């Protein structure tokens, strides 16, 4: 049975404060994606568009907590050039925490 739409909550904040575990938050997000779409992650769980995009690309909730608290990477981990998260054009680096790549750098690898 699909999740019932509930009042908005902030899963990343709840994980940061220890209210729920990262595993529970990830399970809720995975279930929401299976029954709805990625937009539900923002409206129901308080993820920004960038956070939802990163989660869909493989970033885990623990990583999203770090980025929300400490700030997102501001340069490409491959070429070193500036990267503006709000402008998109980036992907989460495979297997490397705290790293984003420009889409073009990702394609060139």
PDB file of N, CA and C in Angstrom:
ATOM      1  N   UNK A   1       0.848  -1.183   0.000  1.00  0.00           N
ATOM      2  CA  UNK A   1       0.000   0.000   0.000  1.00  0.00           C
ATOM      3  C   UNK A   1       0.889   1.239   0.000  1.00  0.00           C
ATOM      4  N   UNK A   2       0.620   2.205  -0.867  1.00  0.00           N
ATOM      5  CA  UNK A   2       1.437   3.411  -0.932  1.00  0.00           C
ATOM      6  C   UNK A   2       1.341   4.229   0.351  1.00  0.00           C
ATOM      7  N   UNK A   3       2.374   5.025   0.533  1.00  0.00           N
ATOM      8  CA  UNK A   3       2.384   5.931   1.680  1.00  0.00           C
ATOM      9  C   UNK A   3       1.246   6.933   1.580  1.00  0.00           C
ATOM     10  N   UNK A   4       0.619   7.222   2.668  1.00  0.00           N
ATOM     11  CA  UNK A   4      -0.374   8.293   2.688  1.00  0.00           C
ATOM     12  C   UNK A   4       0.380   9.612   2.780  1.00  0.00           C
ATOM     13  N   UNK A   5      -0.091  10.605   2.070  1.00  0.00           N
ATOM     14  CA  UNK A   5       0.566  11.902   2.139  1.00  0.00           C
ATOM     15  C   UNK A   5       0.306  12.491   3.518  1.00  0.00           C
ATOM     16  N   UNK A   6       1.394  12.798   4.194  1.00  0.00           N
ATOM     17  CA  UNK A   6       1.322  13.336   5.547  1.00  0.00           C
ATOM     18  C   UNK A   6       1.875  14.753   5.531  1.00  0.00           C
ATOM     19  N   UNK A   7       1.657  15.473   6.590  1.00  0.00           N
ATOM     20  CA  UNK A   7       2.233  16.818   6.644  1.00  0.00           C
ATOM     21  C   UNK A   7       3.745  16.765   6.430  1.00  0.00           C
ATOM     22  N   UNK A   8       4.263  17.799   5.841  1.00  0.00           N
ATOM     23  CA  UNK A   8       5.688  17.877   5.528  1.00  0.00           C
ATOM     24  C   UNK A   8       6.537  17.683   6.771  1.00  0.00           C
ATOM     25  N   UNK A   9       7.586  16.926   6.610  1.00  0.00           N
ATOM     26  CA  UNK A   9       8.569  16.748   7.665  1.00  0.00           C
ATOM     27  C   UNK A   9       9.935  16.920   7.033  1.00  0.00           C
ATOM     28  N   UNK A  10      10.948  17.072   7.831  1.00  0.00           N
ATOM     29  CA  UNK A  10      12.302  17.273   7.330  1.00  0.00           C
ATOM     30  C   UNK A  10      13.150  16.085   7.771  1.00  0.00           C
ATOM     31  N   UNK A  11      13.259  15.079   6.906  1.00  0.00           N
ATOM     32  CA  UNK A  11      13.970  13.860   7.265  1.00  0.00           C
ATOM     33  C   UNK A  11      15.437  14.109   7.583  1.00  0.00           C
ATOM     34  N   UNK A  12      16.079  14.967   6.821  1.00  0.00           N
ATOM     35  CA  UNK A  12      17.500  15.221   7.066  1.00  0.00           C
ATOM     36  C   UNK A  12      17.692  15.861   8.437  1.00  0.00           C
ATOM     37  N   UNK A  13      16.833  16.780   8.796  1.00  0.00           N
ATOM     38  CA  UNK A  13      16.887  17.393  10.122  1.00  0.00           C
ATOM     39  C   UNK A  13      16.622  16.360  11.212  1.00  0.00           C
ATOM     40  N   UNK A  14      15.663  15.476  10.968  1.00  0.00           N
ATOM     41  CA  UNK A  14      15.348  14.439  11.950  1.00  0.00           C
ATOM     42  C   UNK A  14      16.525  13.486  12.159  1.00  0.00           C
ATOM     43  N   UNK A  15      17.250  13.163  11.095  1.00  0.00           N
ATOM     44  CA  UNK A  15      18.438  12.313  11.218  1.00  0.00           C
ATOM     45  C   UNK A  15      19.524  13.062  11.983  1.00  0.00           C
ATOM     46  N   UNK A  16      19.734  14.319  11.620  1.00  0.00           N
ATOM     47  CA  UNK A  16      20.768  15.122  12.284  1.00  0.00           C
ATOM     48  C   UNK A  16      20.510  15.220  13.782  1.00  0.00           C
ATOM     49  N   UNK A  17      19.255  15.343  14.171  1.00  0.00           N
ATOM     50  CA  UNK A  17      18.901  15.481  15.591  1.00  0.00           C
ATOM     51  C   UNK A  17      18.759  14.136  16.307  1.00  0.00           C
ATOM     52  N   UNK A  18      18.906  13.034  15.562  1.00  0.00           N
ATOM     53  CA  UNK A  18      18.808  11.717  16.163  1.00  0.00           C
ATOM     54  C   UNK A  18      17.388  11.238  16.414  1.00  0.00           C
ATOM     55  N   UNK A  19      16.418  11.878  15.796  1.00  0.00           N
ATOM     56  CA  UNK A  19      15.014  11.489  15.969  1.00  0.00           C
ATOM     57  C   UNK A  19      14.747  10.172  15.239  1.00  0.00           C
ATOM     58  N   UNK A  20      15.327  10.025  14.050  1.00  0.00           N
ATOM     59  CA  UNK A  20      15.245   8.771  13.307  1.00  0.00           C
ATOM     60  C   UNK A  20      16.642   8.431  12.800  1.00  0.00           C
ATOM     61  N   UNK A  21      16.840   7.183  12.390  1.00  0.00           N
ATOM     62  CA  UNK A  21      18.135   6.781  11.849  1.00  0.00           C
ATOM     63  C   UNK A  21      18.197   7.091  10.362  1.00  0.00           C
ATOM     64  N   UNK A  22      19.407   7.117   9.843  1.00  0.00           N
ATOM     65  CA  UNK A  22      19.590   7.313   8.402  1.00  0.00           C
ATOM     66  C   UNK A  22      18.931   6.178   7.634  1.00  0.00           C
ATOM     67  N   UNK A  23      18.989   4.964   8.178  1.00  0.00           N
ATOM     68  CA  UNK A  23      18.369   3.821   7.519  1.00  0.00           C
ATOM     69  C   UNK A  23      16.866   3.969   7.372  1.00  0.00           C
ATOM     70  N   UNK A  24      16.227   4.466   8.418  1.00  0.00           N
ATOM     71  CA  UNK A  24      14.775   4.694   8.350  1.00  0.00           C
ATOM     72  C   UNK A  24      14.467   5.779   7.324  1.00  0.00           C
ATOM     73  N   UNK A  25      15.240   6.853   7.331  1.00  0.00           N
ATOM     74  CA  UNK A  25      15.021   7.940   6.373  1.00  0.00           C
ATOM     75  C   UNK A  25      15.191   7.435   4.942  1.00  0.00           C
ATOM     76  N   UNK A  26      16.223   6.628   4.703  1.00  0.00           N
ATOM     77  CA  UNK A  26      16.438   6.099   3.357  1.00  0.00           C
ATOM     78  C   UNK A  26      15.306   5.168   2.940  1.00  0.00           C
ATOM     79  N   UNK A  27      14.821   4.353   3.870  1.00  0.00           N
ATOM     80  CA  UNK A  27      13.700   3.458   3.554  1.00  0.00           C
ATOM     81  C   UNK A  27      12.448   4.252   3.197  1.00  0.00           C
ATOM     82  N   UNK A  28      12.178   5.327   3.926  1.00  0.00           N
ATOM     83  CA  UNK A  28      11.027   6.172   3.624  1.00  0.00           C
ATOM     84  C   UNK A  28      11.164   6.793   2.238  1.00  0.00           C
ATOM     85  N   UNK A  29      12.370   7.270   1.912  1.00  0.00           N
ATOM     86  CA  UNK A  29      12.597   7.871   0.598  1.00  0.00           C
ATOM     87  C   UNK A  29      12.447   6.837  -0.508  1.00  0.00           C
ATOM     88  N   UNK A  30      13.006   5.657  -0.318  1.00  0.00           N
ATOM     89  CA  UNK A  30      12.903   4.604  -1.334  1.00  0.00           C
ATOM     90  C   UNK A  30      11.445   4.206  -1.563  1.00  0.00           C
ATOM     91  N   UNK A  31      10.674   4.094  -0.494  1.00  0.00           N
ATOM     92  CA  UNK A  31       9.262   3.744  -0.631  1.00  0.00           C
ATOM     93  C   UNK A  31       8.500   4.852  -1.359  1.00  0.00           C
ATOM     94  N   UNK A  32       8.817   6.092  -1.036  1.00  0.00           N
ATOM     95  CA  UNK A  32       8.149   7.217  -1.699  1.00  0.00           C
ATOM     96  C   UNK A  32       8.450   7.230  -3.193  1.00  0.00           C
ATOM     97  N   UNK A  33       9.689   6.962  -3.563  1.00  0.00           N
ATOM     98  CA  UNK A  33      10.068   6.936  -4.978  1.00  0.00           C
ATOM     99  C   UNK A  33       9.352   5.798  -5.699  1.00  0.00           C
ATOM    100  N   UNK A  34       9.220   4.666  -5.024  1.00  0.00           N
ATOM    101  CA  UNK A  34       8.570   3.512  -5.644  1.00  0.00           C
ATOM    102  C   UNK A  34       7.089   3.768  -5.914  1.00  0.00           C
ATOM    103  N   UNK A  35       6.455   4.561  -5.074  1.00  0.00           N
ATOM    104  CA  UNK A  35       5.009   4.772  -5.205  1.00  0.00           C
ATOM    105  C   UNK A  35       4.619   6.115  -5.802  1.00  0.00           C
ATOM    106  N   UNK A  36       5.519   7.068  -5.748  1.00  0.00           N
ATOM    107  CA  UNK A  36       5.211   8.402  -6.260  1.00  0.00           C
ATOM    108  C   UNK A  36       6.298   8.804  -7.237  1.00  0.00           C
ATOM    109  N   UNK A  37       6.910   9.938  -7.037  1.00  0.00           N
ATOM    110  CA  UNK A  37       8.039  10.349  -7.855  1.00  0.00           C
ATOM    111  C   UNK A  37       8.991  11.162  -6.997  1.00  0.00           C
ATOM    112  N   UNK A  38      10.085  11.604  -7.610  1.00  0.00           N
ATOM    113  CA  UNK A  38      11.108  12.307  -6.835  1.00  0.00           C
ATOM    114  C   UNK A  38      10.604  13.623  -6.250  1.00  0.00           C
ATOM    115  N   UNK A  39       9.596  14.228  -6.830  1.00  0.00           N
ATOM    116  CA  UNK A  39       9.071  15.486  -6.292  1.00  0.00           C
ATOM    117  C   UNK A  39       8.474  15.296  -4.902  1.00  0.00           C
ATOM    118  N   UNK A  40       7.998  14.092  -4.631  1.00  0.00           N
ATOM    119  CA  UNK A  40       7.435  13.784  -3.314  1.00  0.00           C
ATOM    120  C   UNK A  40       8.494  13.915  -2.226  1.00  0.00           C
ATOM    121  N   UNK A  41       9.757  13.674  -2.557  1.00  0.00           N
ATOM    122  CA  UNK A  41      10.829  13.779  -1.570  1.00  0.00           C
ATOM    123  C   UNK A  41      10.905  15.189  -0.985  1.00  0.00           C
ATOM    124  N   UNK A  42      10.654  16.171  -1.812  1.00  0.00           N
ATOM    125  CA  UNK A  42      10.672  17.546  -1.331  1.00  0.00           C
ATOM    126  C   UNK A  42       9.412  17.921  -0.595  1.00  0.00           C
ATOM    127  N   UNK A  43       8.277  17.612  -1.180  1.00  0.00           N
ATOM    128  CA  UNK A  43       7.015  18.057  -0.592  1.00  0.00           C
ATOM    129  C   UNK A  43       6.693  17.345   0.705  1.00  0.00           C
ATOM    130  N   UNK A  44       7.025  16.092   0.829  1.00  0.00           N
ATOM    131  CA  UNK A  44       6.676  15.347   2.039  1.00  0.00           C
ATOM    132  C   UNK A  44       7.818  15.251   3.035  1.00  0.00           C
ATOM    133  N   UNK A  45       9.050  15.219   2.548  1.00  0.00           N
ATOM    134  CA  UNK A  45      10.182  14.943   3.427  1.00  0.00           C
ATOM    135  C   UNK A  45      11.168  16.091   3.561  1.00  0.00           C
ATOM    136  N   UNK A  46      10.861  17.229   2.959  1.00  0.00           N
ATOM    137  CA  UNK A  46      11.672  18.417   3.167  1.00  0.00           C
ATOM    138  C   UNK A  46      13.016  18.431   2.474  1.00  0.00           C
ATOM    139  N   UNK A  47      13.236  17.573   1.492  1.00  0.00           N
ATOM    140  CA  UNK A  47      14.486  17.614   0.753  1.00  0.00           C
ATOM    141  C   UNK A  47      14.421  18.729  -0.279  1.00  0.00           C
ATOM    142  N   UNK A  48      15.518  19.449  -0.421  1.00  0.00           N
ATOM    143  CA  UNK A  48      15.597  20.443  -1.481  1.00  0.00           C
ATOM    144  C   UNK A  48      15.694  19.706  -2.813  1.00  0.00           C
ATOM    145  N   UNK A  49      15.556  20.438  -3.905  1.00  0.00           N
ATOM    146  CA  UNK A  49      15.692  19.807  -5.220  1.00  0.00           C
ATOM    147  C   UNK A  49      17.081  19.197  -5.381  1.00  0.00           C
ATOM    148  N   UNK A  50      18.101  19.905  -4.914  1.00  0.00           N
ATOM    149  CA  UNK A  50      19.466  19.380  -5.016  1.00  0.00           C
ATOM    150  C   UNK A  50      19.630  18.119  -4.165  1.00  0.00           C
ATOM    151  N   UNK A  51      19.069  18.116  -2.962  1.00  0.00           N
ATOM    152  CA  UNK A  51      19.163  16.933  -2.100  1.00  0.00           C
ATOM    153  C   UNK A  51      18.445  15.746  -2.714  1.00  0.00           C
ATOM    154  N   UNK A  52      17.255  15.973  -3.266  1.00  0.00           N
ATOM    155  CA  UNK A  52      16.511  14.887  -3.912  1.00  0.00           C
ATOM    156  C   UNK A  52      17.274  14.369  -5.124  1.00  0.00           C
ATOM    157  N   UNK A  53      17.851  15.265  -5.909  1.00  0.00           N
ATOM    158  CA  UNK A  53      18.637  14.865  -7.078  1.00  0.00           C
ATOM    159  C   UNK A  53      19.831  14.025  -6.653  1.00  0.00           C
ATOM    160  N   UNK A  54      20.549  14.478  -5.637  1.00  0.00           N
ATOM    161  CA  UNK A  54      21.719  13.735  -5.160  1.00  0.00           C
ATOM    162  C   UNK A  54      21.315  12.361  -4.627  1.00  0.00           C
ATOM    163  N   UNK A  55      20.200  12.294  -3.895  1.00  0.00           N
ATOM    164  CA  UNK A  55      19.734  11.005  -3.378  1.00  0.00           C
ATOM    165  C   UNK A  55      19.420  10.051  -4.524  1.00  0.00           C
ATOM    166  N   UNK A  56      18.760  10.556  -5.547  1.00  0.00           N
ATOM    167  CA  UNK A  56      18.416   9.724  -6.702  1.00  0.00           C
ATOM    168  C   UNK A  56      19.654   9.277  -7.476  1.00  0.00           C
ATOM    169  N   UNK A  57      20.736  10.022  -7.340  1.00  0.00           N
ATOM    170  CA  UNK A  57      21.988   9.664  -8.005  1.00  0.00           C
ATOM    171  C   UNK A  57      22.858   8.756  -7.144  1.00  0.00           C
ATOM    172  N   UNK A  58      22.407   8.440  -5.929  1.00  0.00           N
ATOM    173  CA  UNK A  58      23.152   7.496  -5.107  1.00  0.00           C
ATOM    174  C   UNK A  58      23.739   8.035  -3.820  1.00  0.00           C
ATOM    175  N   UNK A  59      23.609   9.327  -3.565  1.00  0.00           N
ATOM    176  CA  UNK A  59      24.081   9.852  -2.278  1.00  0.00           C
ATOM    177  C   UNK A  59      23.189   9.298  -1.177  1.00  0.00           C
ATOM    178  N   UNK A  60      23.773   8.967  -0.050  1.00  0.00           N
ATOM    179  CA  UNK A  60      22.958   8.467   1.050  1.00  0.00           C
ATOM    180  C   UNK A  60      22.540   9.611   1.974  1.00  0.00           C
ATOM    181  N   UNK A  61      21.632   9.327   2.866  1.00  0.00           N
ATOM    182  CA  UNK A  61      21.101  10.359   3.758  1.00  0.00           C
ATOM    183  C   UNK A  61      22.199  10.942   4.644  1.00  0.00           C
ATOM    184  N   UNK A  62      23.113  10.106   5.109  1.00  0.00           N
ATOM    185  CA  UNK A  62      24.215  10.597   5.939  1.00  0.00           C
ATOM    186  C   UNK A  62      25.023  11.645   5.188  1.00  0.00           C
ATOM    187  N   UNK A  63      25.259  11.410   3.899  1.00  0.00           N
ATOM    188  CA  UNK A  63      25.976  12.381   3.078  1.00  0.00           C
ATOM    189  C   UNK A  63      25.183  13.669   2.945  1.00  0.00           C
ATOM    190  N   UNK A  64      23.876  13.562   2.754  1.00  0.00           N
ATOM    191  CA  UNK A  64      23.041  14.761   2.630  1.00  0.00           C
ATOM    192  C   UNK A  64      23.030  15.562   3.928  1.00  0.00           C
ATOM    193  N   UNK A  65      23.048  14.882   5.067  1.00  0.00           N
ATOM    194  CA  UNK A  65      23.138  15.593   6.352  1.00  0.00           C
ATOM    195  C   UNK A  65      24.434  16.391   6.395  1.00  0.00           C
ATOM    196  N   UNK A  66      25.550  15.761   6.023  1.00  0.00           N
ATOM    197  CA  UNK A  66      26.852  16.456   6.029  1.00  0.00           C
ATOM    198  C   UNK A  66      26.817  17.681   5.133  1.00  0.00           C
ATOM    199  N   UNK A  67      26.270  17.508   3.922  1.00  0.00           N
ATOM    200  CA  UNK A  67      26.249  18.639   2.995  1.00  0.00           C
ATOM    201  C   UNK A  67      25.342  19.751   3.494  1.00  0.00           C
ATOM    202  N   UNK A  68      24.236  19.403   4.111  1.00  0.00           N
ATOM    203  CA  UNK A  68      23.349  20.451   4.608  1.00  0.00           C
ATOM    204  C   UNK A  68      24.013  21.209   5.751  1.00  0.00           C
ATOM    205  N   UNK A  69      24.715  20.512   6.615  1.00  0.00           N
ATOM    206  CA  UNK A  69      25.338  21.137   7.782  1.00  0.00           C
ATOM    207  C   UNK A  69      26.619  21.879   7.410  1.00  0.00           C
ATOM    208  N   UNK A  70      27.485  21.248   6.625  1.00  0.00           N
ATOM    209  CA  UNK A  70      28.814  21.803   6.324  1.00  0.00           C
ATOM    210  C   UNK A  70      28.881  22.580   5.023  1.00  0.00           C
ATOM    211  N   UNK A  71      27.857  22.422   4.201  1.00  0.00           N
ATOM    212  CA  UNK A  71      27.865  23.053   2.894  1.00  0.00           C
ATOM    213  C   UNK A  71      28.201  22.048   1.801  1.00  0.00           C
ATOM    214  N   UNK A  72      27.684  22.305   0.630  1.00  0.00           N
ATOM    215  CA  UNK A  72      27.892  21.427  -0.517  1.00  0.00           C
ATOM    216  C   UNK A  72      29.254  21.688  -1.140  1.00  0.00           C
ATOM    217  N   UNK A  73      29.810  20.697  -1.815  1.00  0.00           N
ATOM    218  CA  UNK A  73      31.066  20.940  -2.533  1.00  0.00           C
ATOM    219  C   UNK A  73      30.890  22.096  -3.516  1.00  0.00           C
ATOM    220  N   UNK A  74      31.929  22.891  -3.665  1.00  0.00           N
ATOM    221  CA  UNK A  74      31.835  24.053  -4.544  1.00  0.00           C
ATOM    222  C   UNK A  74      32.774  23.961  -5.740  1.00  0.00           C
ATOM    223  N   UNK A  75      33.361  22.782  -5.919  1.00  0.00           N
ATOM    224  CA  UNK A  75      34.209  22.573  -7.091  1.00  0.00           C
ATOM    225  C   UNK A  75      34.100  21.121  -7.548  1.00  0.00           C
ATOM    226  N   UNK A  76      34.421  20.905  -8.795  1.00  0.00           N
ATOM    227  CA  UNK A  76      34.387  19.571  -9.392  1.00  0.00           C
ATOM    228  C   UNK A  76      35.577  18.772  -8.870  1.00  0.00           C
ATOM    229  N   UNK A  77      35.331  17.554  -8.436  1.00  0.00           N
ATOM    230  CA  UNK A  77      36.423  16.742  -7.896  1.00  0.00           C
ATOM    231  C   UNK A  77      37.363  16.220  -8.984  1.00  0.00           C
ATOM    232  N   UNK A  78      36.990  16.385 -10.240  1.00  0.00           N
ATOM    233  CA  UNK A  78      37.856  15.928 -11.332  1.00  0.00           C
ATOM    234  C   UNK A  78      38.701  17.063 -11.905  1.00  0.00           C
ATOM    235  N   UNK A  79      38.047  18.153 -12.328  1.00  0.00           N
ATOM    236  CA  UNK A  79      38.786  19.238 -12.986  1.00  0.00           C
ATOM    237  C   UNK A  79      39.157  20.374 -12.039  1.00  0.00           C
ATOM    238  N   UNK A  80      38.510  20.432 -10.870  1.00  0.00           N
ATOM    239  CA  UNK A  80      38.812  21.473  -9.893  1.00  0.00           C
ATOM    240  C   UNK A  80      38.134  22.809 -10.153  1.00  0.00           C
ATOM    241  N   UNK A  81      37.389  22.919 -11.242  1.00  0.00           N
ATOM    242  CA  UNK A  81      36.709  24.171 -11.561  1.00  0.00           C
ATOM    243  C   UNK A  81      35.490  24.352 -10.657  1.00  0.00           C
ATOM    244  N   UNK A  82      35.031  25.595 -10.562  1.00  0.00           N
ATOM    245  CA  UNK A  82      33.880  25.925  -9.719  1.00  0.00           C
ATOM    246  C   UNK A  82      32.648  25.132 -10.138  1.00  0.00           C
ATOM    247  N   UNK A  83      31.850  24.811  -9.139  1.00  0.00           N
ATOM    248  CA  UNK A  83      30.619  24.067  -9.352  1.00  0.00           C
ATOM    249  C   UNK A  83      29.556  24.728  -8.486  1.00  0.00           C
ATOM    250  N   UNK A  84      28.445  25.111  -9.091  1.00  0.00           N
ATOM    251  CA  UNK A  84      27.358  25.754  -8.363  1.00  0.00           C
ATOM    252  C   UNK A  84      26.203  24.764  -8.291  1.00  0.00           C
ATOM    253  N   UNK A  85      25.962  24.225  -7.107  1.00  0.00           N
ATOM    254  CA  UNK A  85      24.962  23.173  -6.931  1.00  0.00           C
ATOM    255  C   UNK A  85      23.594  23.617  -7.426  1.00  0.00           C
ATOM    256  N   UNK A  86      23.210  24.839  -7.151  1.00  0.00           N
ATOM    257  CA  UNK A  86      21.885  25.326  -7.528  1.00  0.00           C
ATOM    258  C   UNK A  86      21.699  25.414  -9.041  1.00  0.00           C
ATOM    259  N   UNK A  87      22.789  25.442  -9.789  1.00  0.00           N
ATOM    260  CA  UNK A  87      22.714  25.511 -11.244  1.00  0.00           C
ATOM    261  C   UNK A  87      22.674  24.136 -11.900  1.00  0.00           C
ATOM    262  N   UNK A  88      22.803  23.095 -11.112  1.00  0.00           N
ATOM    263  CA  UNK A  88      22.843  21.711 -11.588  1.00  0.00           C
ATOM    264  C   UNK A  88      23.998  21.536 -12.546  1.00  0.00           C
ATOM    265  N   UNK A  89      23.919  20.610 -13.467  1.00  0.00           N
ATOM    266  CA  UNK A  89      25.069  20.326 -14.322  1.00  0.00           C
ATOM    267  C   UNK A  89      26.125  19.516 -13.585  1.00  0.00           C
ATOM    268  N   UNK A  90      25.731  18.801 -12.540  1.00  0.00           N
ATOM    269  CA  UNK A  90      26.651  17.997 -11.741  1.00  0.00           C
ATOM    270  C   UNK A  90      26.059  16.611 -11.496  1.00  0.00           C
ATOM    271  N   UNK A  91      26.933  15.701 -11.127  1.00  0.00           N
ATOM    272  CA  UNK A  91      26.524  14.358 -10.718  1.00  0.00           C
ATOM    273  C   UNK A  91      27.302  13.987  -9.461  1.00  0.00           C
ATOM    274  N   UNK A  92      26.731  13.082  -8.681  1.00  0.00           N
ATOM    275  CA  UNK A  92      27.412  12.566  -7.500  1.00  0.00           C
ATOM    276  C   UNK A  92      28.495  11.610  -7.975  1.00  0.00           C
ATOM    277  N   UNK A  93      29.688  11.767  -7.453  1.00  0.00           N
ATOM    278  CA  UNK A  93      30.805  10.912  -7.829  1.00  0.00           C
ATOM    279  C   UNK A  93      30.583   9.495  -7.319  1.00  0.00           C
ATOM    280  N   UNK A  94      30.789   8.525  -8.173  1.00  0.00           N
ATOM    281  CA  UNK A  94      30.635   7.118  -7.784  1.00  0.00           C
ATOM    282  C   UNK A  94      31.668   6.730  -6.737  1.00  0.00           C
ATOM    283  N   UNK A  95      31.192   6.248  -5.609  1.00  0.00           N
ATOM    284  CA  UNK A  95      32.069   5.687  -4.594  1.00  0.00           C
ATOM    285  C   UNK A  95      32.970   6.663  -3.864  1.00  0.00           C
ATOM    286  N   UNK A  96      32.781   7.943  -4.037  1.00  0.00           N
ATOM    287  CA  UNK A  96      33.635   8.918  -3.356  1.00  0.00           C
ATOM    288  C   UNK A  96      32.759   9.900  -2.589  1.00  0.00           C
ATOM    289  N   UNK A  97      32.819   9.822  -1.278  1.00  0.00           N
ATOM    290  CA  UNK A  97      31.996  10.734  -0.483  1.00  0.00           C
ATOM    291  C   UNK A  97      32.477  12.169  -0.645  1.00  0.00           C
ATOM    292  N   UNK A  98      31.578  13.083  -0.446  1.00  0.00           N
ATOM    293  CA  UNK A  98      31.862  14.520  -0.490  1.00  0.00           C
ATOM    294  C   UNK A  98      32.321  15.012  -1.848  1.00  0.00           C
ATOM    295  N   UNK A  99      32.022  14.274  -2.912  1.00  0.00           N
ATOM    296  CA  UNK A  99      32.501  14.705  -4.206  1.00  0.00           C
ATOM    297  C   UNK A  99      31.383  14.779  -5.230  1.00  0.00           C
ATOM    298  N   UNK A 100      31.408  15.876  -5.978  1.00  0.00           N
ATOM    299  CA  UNK A 100      30.521  16.056  -7.114  1.00  0.00           C
ATOM    300  C   UNK A 100      31.394  16.295  -8.338  1.00  0.00           C
ATOM    301  N   UNK A 101      30.868  15.922  -9.488  1.00  0.00           N
ATOM    302  CA  UNK A 101      31.565  16.138 -10.755  1.00  0.00           C
ATOM    303  C   UNK A 101      30.671  16.932 -11.688  1.00  0.00           C
ATOM    304  N   UNK A 102      31.286  17.762 -12.540  1.00  0.00           N
ATOM    305  CA  UNK A 102      30.519  18.347 -13.634  1.00  0.00           C
ATOM    306  C   UNK A 102      30.021  17.198 -14.504  1.00  0.00           C
ATOM    307  N   UNK A 103      28.878  17.360 -15.131  1.00  0.00           N
ATOM    308  CA  UNK A 103      28.344  16.320 -16.011  1.00  0.00           C
ATOM    309  C   UNK A 103      29.356  16.005 -17.110  1.00  0.00           C
ATOM    310  N   UNK A 104      29.962  17.030 -17.687  1.00  0.00           N
ATOM    311  CA  UNK A 104      30.928  16.802 -18.763  1.00  0.00           C
ATOM    312  C   UNK A 104      32.157  16.049 -18.278  1.00  0.00           C
ATOM    313  N   UNK A 105      32.611  16.333 -17.069  1.00  0.00           N
ATOM    314  CA  UNK A 105      33.764  15.612 -16.516  1.00  0.00           C
ATOM    315  C   UNK A 105      33.401  14.158 -16.259  1.00  0.00           C
ATOM    316  N   UNK A 106      32.175  13.921 -15.816  1.00  0.00           N
ATOM    317  CA  UNK A 106      31.701  12.562 -15.584  1.00  0.00           C
ATOM    318  C   UNK A 106      31.684  11.771 -16.893  1.00  0.00           C
ATOM    319  N   UNK A 107      31.219  12.409 -17.959  1.00  0.00           N
ATOM    320  CA  UNK A 107      31.145  11.735 -19.274  1.00  0.00           C
ATOM    321  C   UNK A 107      32.509  11.415 -19.839  1.00  0.00           C
ATOM    322  N   UNK A 108      33.507  12.230 -19.502  1.00  0.00           N
ATOM    323  CA  UNK A 108      34.846  12.076 -20.073  1.00  0.00           C
ATOM    324  C   UNK A 108      35.667  11.003 -19.378  1.00  0.00           C
ATOM    325  N   UNK A 109      35.201  10.482 -18.289  1.00  0.00           N
ATOM    326  CA  UNK A 109      36.034   9.548 -17.527  1.00  0.00           C
ATOM    327  C   UNK A 109      36.215   8.225 -18.189  1.00  0.00           C
TER     328      UNK A 109
END
